[in-house]
């Protein structure tokens, strides 16, 4: 490695703004703050709700009471 061309490597604490969890990571940045982390994000905690969006045809059929199974 050449001397003097690489940024300084720091061990900093990453703080989550939502839940307050802190992690230590190595980086060239002075400090890191994140909005959500793996401990509080709904995707990782399993509390995320999935909604099924109906298409245009399904909305039309539902609005006018058309049963798609009848022919």
N, C-alpha and C. Protein backbone atom coordinates (compact mmCIF):
# COMPACT_ATOMS: atom_id res chain seq x y z
N UNK A 1 0.84 -1.19 0.00
CA UNK A 1 0.00 0.00 0.00
C UNK A 1 0.87 1.24 0.00
N UNK A 2 0.46 2.22 -0.78
CA UNK A 2 1.18 3.49 -0.79
C UNK A 2 0.82 4.29 0.45
N UNK A 3 1.76 4.99 0.96
CA UNK A 3 1.56 5.82 2.15
C UNK A 3 0.92 7.15 1.77
N UNK A 4 -0.02 7.63 2.61
CA UNK A 4 -0.57 8.98 2.46
C UNK A 4 -1.71 9.13 1.46
N UNK A 5 -2.14 8.08 0.76
CA UNK A 5 -3.22 8.25 -0.22
C UNK A 5 -4.53 7.63 0.25
N UNK A 6 -4.51 6.89 1.33
CA UNK A 6 -5.71 6.20 1.81
C UNK A 6 -6.36 6.98 2.95
N UNK A 7 -7.70 7.01 3.01
CA UNK A 7 -8.36 7.70 4.12
C UNK A 7 -8.16 6.93 5.42
N UNK A 8 -8.33 7.65 6.53
CA UNK A 8 -8.17 7.02 7.84
C UNK A 8 -9.35 6.10 8.13
N UNK A 9 -9.07 4.98 8.73
CA UNK A 9 -10.08 3.98 9.07
C UNK A 9 -10.44 4.14 10.53
N UNK A 10 -11.75 4.29 10.81
CA UNK A 10 -12.22 4.50 12.18
C UNK A 10 -13.20 3.39 12.56
N UNK A 11 -13.26 3.09 13.83
CA UNK A 11 -14.32 2.24 14.37
C UNK A 11 -15.31 3.20 15.02
N UNK A 12 -16.53 3.29 14.45
CA UNK A 12 -17.54 4.23 14.94
C UNK A 12 -18.77 3.47 15.40
N UNK A 13 -19.61 4.15 16.15
CA UNK A 13 -20.85 3.58 16.63
C UNK A 13 -21.99 4.07 15.74
N UNK A 14 -22.74 3.14 15.17
CA UNK A 14 -23.90 3.47 14.35
C UNK A 14 -25.11 3.46 15.26
N UNK A 15 -25.85 4.58 15.29
CA UNK A 15 -27.01 4.69 16.17
C UNK A 15 -28.29 4.73 15.33
N UNK A 16 -29.27 3.93 15.70
CA UNK A 16 -30.57 3.92 15.04
C UNK A 16 -31.43 5.02 15.65
N UNK A 17 -32.00 5.87 14.81
CA UNK A 17 -32.82 6.98 15.29
C UNK A 17 -34.18 6.51 15.79
N UNK A 18 -34.66 5.36 15.33
CA UNK A 18 -35.98 4.88 15.71
C UNK A 18 -35.98 4.18 17.06
N UNK A 19 -35.11 3.18 17.21
CA UNK A 19 -35.14 2.38 18.45
C UNK A 19 -33.97 2.64 19.38
N UNK A 20 -32.93 3.31 18.90
CA UNK A 20 -31.79 3.63 19.74
C UNK A 20 -30.73 2.56 19.82
N UNK A 21 -30.86 1.49 19.05
CA UNK A 21 -29.87 0.42 19.04
C UNK A 21 -28.56 0.94 18.46
N UNK A 22 -27.46 0.52 19.05
CA UNK A 22 -26.14 0.96 18.59
C UNK A 22 -25.29 -0.24 18.18
N UNK A 23 -24.53 -0.08 17.08
CA UNK A 23 -23.64 -1.11 16.57
C UNK A 23 -22.28 -0.47 16.33
N UNK A 24 -21.23 -1.22 16.46
CA UNK A 24 -19.89 -0.73 16.11
C UNK A 24 -19.50 -1.27 14.76
N UNK A 25 -19.04 -0.38 13.87
CA UNK A 25 -18.60 -0.78 12.54
C UNK A 25 -17.31 -0.05 12.21
N UNK A 26 -16.57 -0.60 11.28
CA UNK A 26 -15.37 0.06 10.79
C UNK A 26 -15.68 0.80 9.50
N UNK A 27 -15.26 2.05 9.42
CA UNK A 27 -15.56 2.87 8.26
C UNK A 27 -14.57 4.03 8.15
N UNK A 28 -14.65 4.73 7.04
CA UNK A 28 -13.83 5.93 6.88
C UNK A 28 -14.60 7.19 7.27
N UNK A 29 -15.90 7.05 7.57
CA UNK A 29 -16.71 8.18 8.00
C UNK A 29 -16.48 8.46 9.48
N UNK A 30 -16.75 9.68 9.90
CA UNK A 30 -16.56 10.06 11.31
C UNK A 30 -17.69 9.52 12.18
N UNK A 31 -18.95 9.59 11.68
CA UNK A 31 -20.10 9.07 12.44
C UNK A 31 -21.19 8.67 11.46
N UNK A 32 -22.05 7.76 11.89
CA UNK A 32 -23.14 7.28 11.05
C UNK A 32 -24.41 7.23 11.89
N UNK A 33 -25.51 7.81 11.38
CA UNK A 33 -26.83 7.70 12.00
C UNK A 33 -27.78 7.15 10.95
N UNK A 34 -28.58 6.17 11.34
CA UNK A 34 -29.53 5.58 10.40
C UNK A 34 -30.95 5.78 10.92
N UNK A 35 -31.93 5.77 10.01
CA UNK A 35 -33.32 5.96 10.40
C UNK A 35 -33.91 4.70 11.04
N UNK A 36 -33.75 3.57 10.39
CA UNK A 36 -34.26 2.31 10.93
C UNK A 36 -33.20 1.23 10.76
N UNK A 37 -33.24 0.26 11.64
CA UNK A 37 -32.27 -0.83 11.57
C UNK A 37 -33.00 -2.16 11.50
N UNK A 38 -32.27 -3.23 11.52
CA UNK A 38 -32.85 -4.56 11.44
C UNK A 38 -33.64 -4.96 12.67
N UNK A 39 -33.44 -4.27 13.78
CA UNK A 39 -34.19 -4.59 15.01
C UNK A 39 -35.57 -3.95 15.04
N UNK A 40 -35.77 -2.86 14.31
CA UNK A 40 -37.05 -2.15 14.40
C UNK A 40 -37.78 -2.03 13.07
N UNK A 41 -37.16 -2.39 11.95
CA UNK A 41 -37.83 -2.29 10.65
C UNK A 41 -38.88 -3.39 10.53
N UNK A 42 -40.11 -3.05 10.08
CA UNK A 42 -41.18 -4.04 10.00
C UNK A 42 -40.87 -5.25 9.13
N UNK A 43 -40.09 -5.09 8.09
CA UNK A 43 -39.74 -6.22 7.22
C UNK A 43 -38.96 -7.27 7.99
N UNK A 44 -38.03 -6.86 8.81
CA UNK A 44 -37.18 -7.80 9.53
C UNK A 44 -37.83 -8.33 10.80
N UNK A 45 -38.74 -7.58 11.40
CA UNK A 45 -39.39 -8.02 12.63
C UNK A 45 -40.58 -8.93 12.36
N UNK A 46 -41.07 -8.97 11.12
CA UNK A 46 -42.19 -9.82 10.78
C UNK A 46 -43.54 -9.17 10.99
N UNK A 47 -43.57 -7.89 11.32
CA UNK A 47 -44.84 -7.21 11.56
C UNK A 47 -45.33 -6.45 10.33
N UNK A 48 -44.70 -6.66 9.20
CA UNK A 48 -45.10 -5.97 7.98
C UNK A 48 -46.36 -6.61 7.42
N UNK A 49 -47.31 -5.79 6.99
CA UNK A 49 -48.55 -6.27 6.41
C UNK A 49 -48.48 -6.15 4.91
N UNK A 50 -48.84 -7.22 4.22
CA UNK A 50 -48.87 -7.20 2.77
C UNK A 50 -50.31 -7.04 2.33
N UNK A 51 -50.56 -6.06 1.48
CA UNK A 51 -51.89 -5.86 0.95
C UNK A 51 -51.89 -6.26 -0.51
N UNK A 52 -52.93 -6.91 -0.92
CA UNK A 52 -53.05 -7.33 -2.30
C UNK A 52 -53.84 -6.27 -3.03
N UNK A 53 -53.22 -5.67 -4.01
CA UNK A 53 -53.88 -4.63 -4.78
C UNK A 53 -54.69 -5.27 -5.90
N UNK A 54 -55.96 -4.96 -5.94
CA UNK A 54 -56.81 -5.50 -6.99
C UNK A 54 -56.55 -4.75 -8.29
N UNK A 55 -56.60 -5.47 -9.38
CA UNK A 55 -56.40 -4.86 -10.68
C UNK A 55 -57.64 -4.11 -11.13
N UNK A 56 -57.56 -3.43 -12.25
CA UNK A 56 -58.68 -2.64 -12.75
C UNK A 56 -59.89 -3.49 -13.07
N UNK A 57 -59.67 -4.64 -13.68
CA UNK A 57 -60.78 -5.52 -14.04
C UNK A 57 -61.47 -6.05 -12.78
N UNK A 58 -60.68 -6.45 -11.78
CA UNK A 58 -61.26 -6.95 -10.53
C UNK A 58 -62.06 -5.86 -9.83
N UNK A 59 -61.57 -4.64 -9.83
CA UNK A 59 -62.31 -3.54 -9.23
C UNK A 59 -63.62 -3.30 -9.96
N UNK A 60 -63.59 -3.35 -11.28
CA UNK A 60 -64.81 -3.16 -12.08
C UNK A 60 -65.82 -4.25 -11.77
N UNK A 61 -65.37 -5.51 -11.78
CA UNK A 61 -66.27 -6.63 -11.51
C UNK A 61 -66.86 -6.56 -10.10
N UNK A 62 -66.05 -6.16 -9.15
CA UNK A 62 -66.53 -6.05 -7.78
C UNK A 62 -67.54 -4.92 -7.65
N UNK A 63 -67.30 -3.81 -8.31
CA UNK A 63 -68.18 -2.65 -8.24
C UNK A 63 -69.55 -2.96 -8.82
N UNK A 64 -69.60 -3.67 -9.93
CA UNK A 64 -70.87 -3.92 -10.61
C UNK A 64 -71.41 -5.32 -10.34
N UNK A 65 -70.85 -6.04 -9.36
CA UNK A 65 -71.38 -7.32 -8.94
C UNK A 65 -71.28 -8.42 -9.97
N UNK A 66 -70.29 -8.37 -10.81
CA UNK A 66 -70.11 -9.39 -11.83
C UNK A 66 -69.28 -10.53 -11.25
N UNK A 67 -69.84 -11.74 -11.32
CA UNK A 67 -69.13 -12.91 -10.81
C UNK A 67 -68.31 -13.49 -11.96
N UNK A 68 -67.01 -13.56 -11.78
CA UNK A 68 -66.16 -14.02 -12.89
C UNK A 68 -66.23 -15.54 -13.08
N UNK A 69 -66.78 -16.26 -12.10
CA UNK A 69 -66.91 -17.71 -12.25
C UNK A 69 -68.14 -18.12 -13.04
N UNK A 70 -69.14 -17.24 -13.12
CA UNK A 70 -70.36 -17.54 -13.90
C UNK A 70 -70.10 -17.25 -15.37
N UNK A 71 -70.71 -18.06 -16.23
CA UNK A 71 -70.56 -17.81 -17.67
C UNK A 71 -71.87 -17.90 -18.34
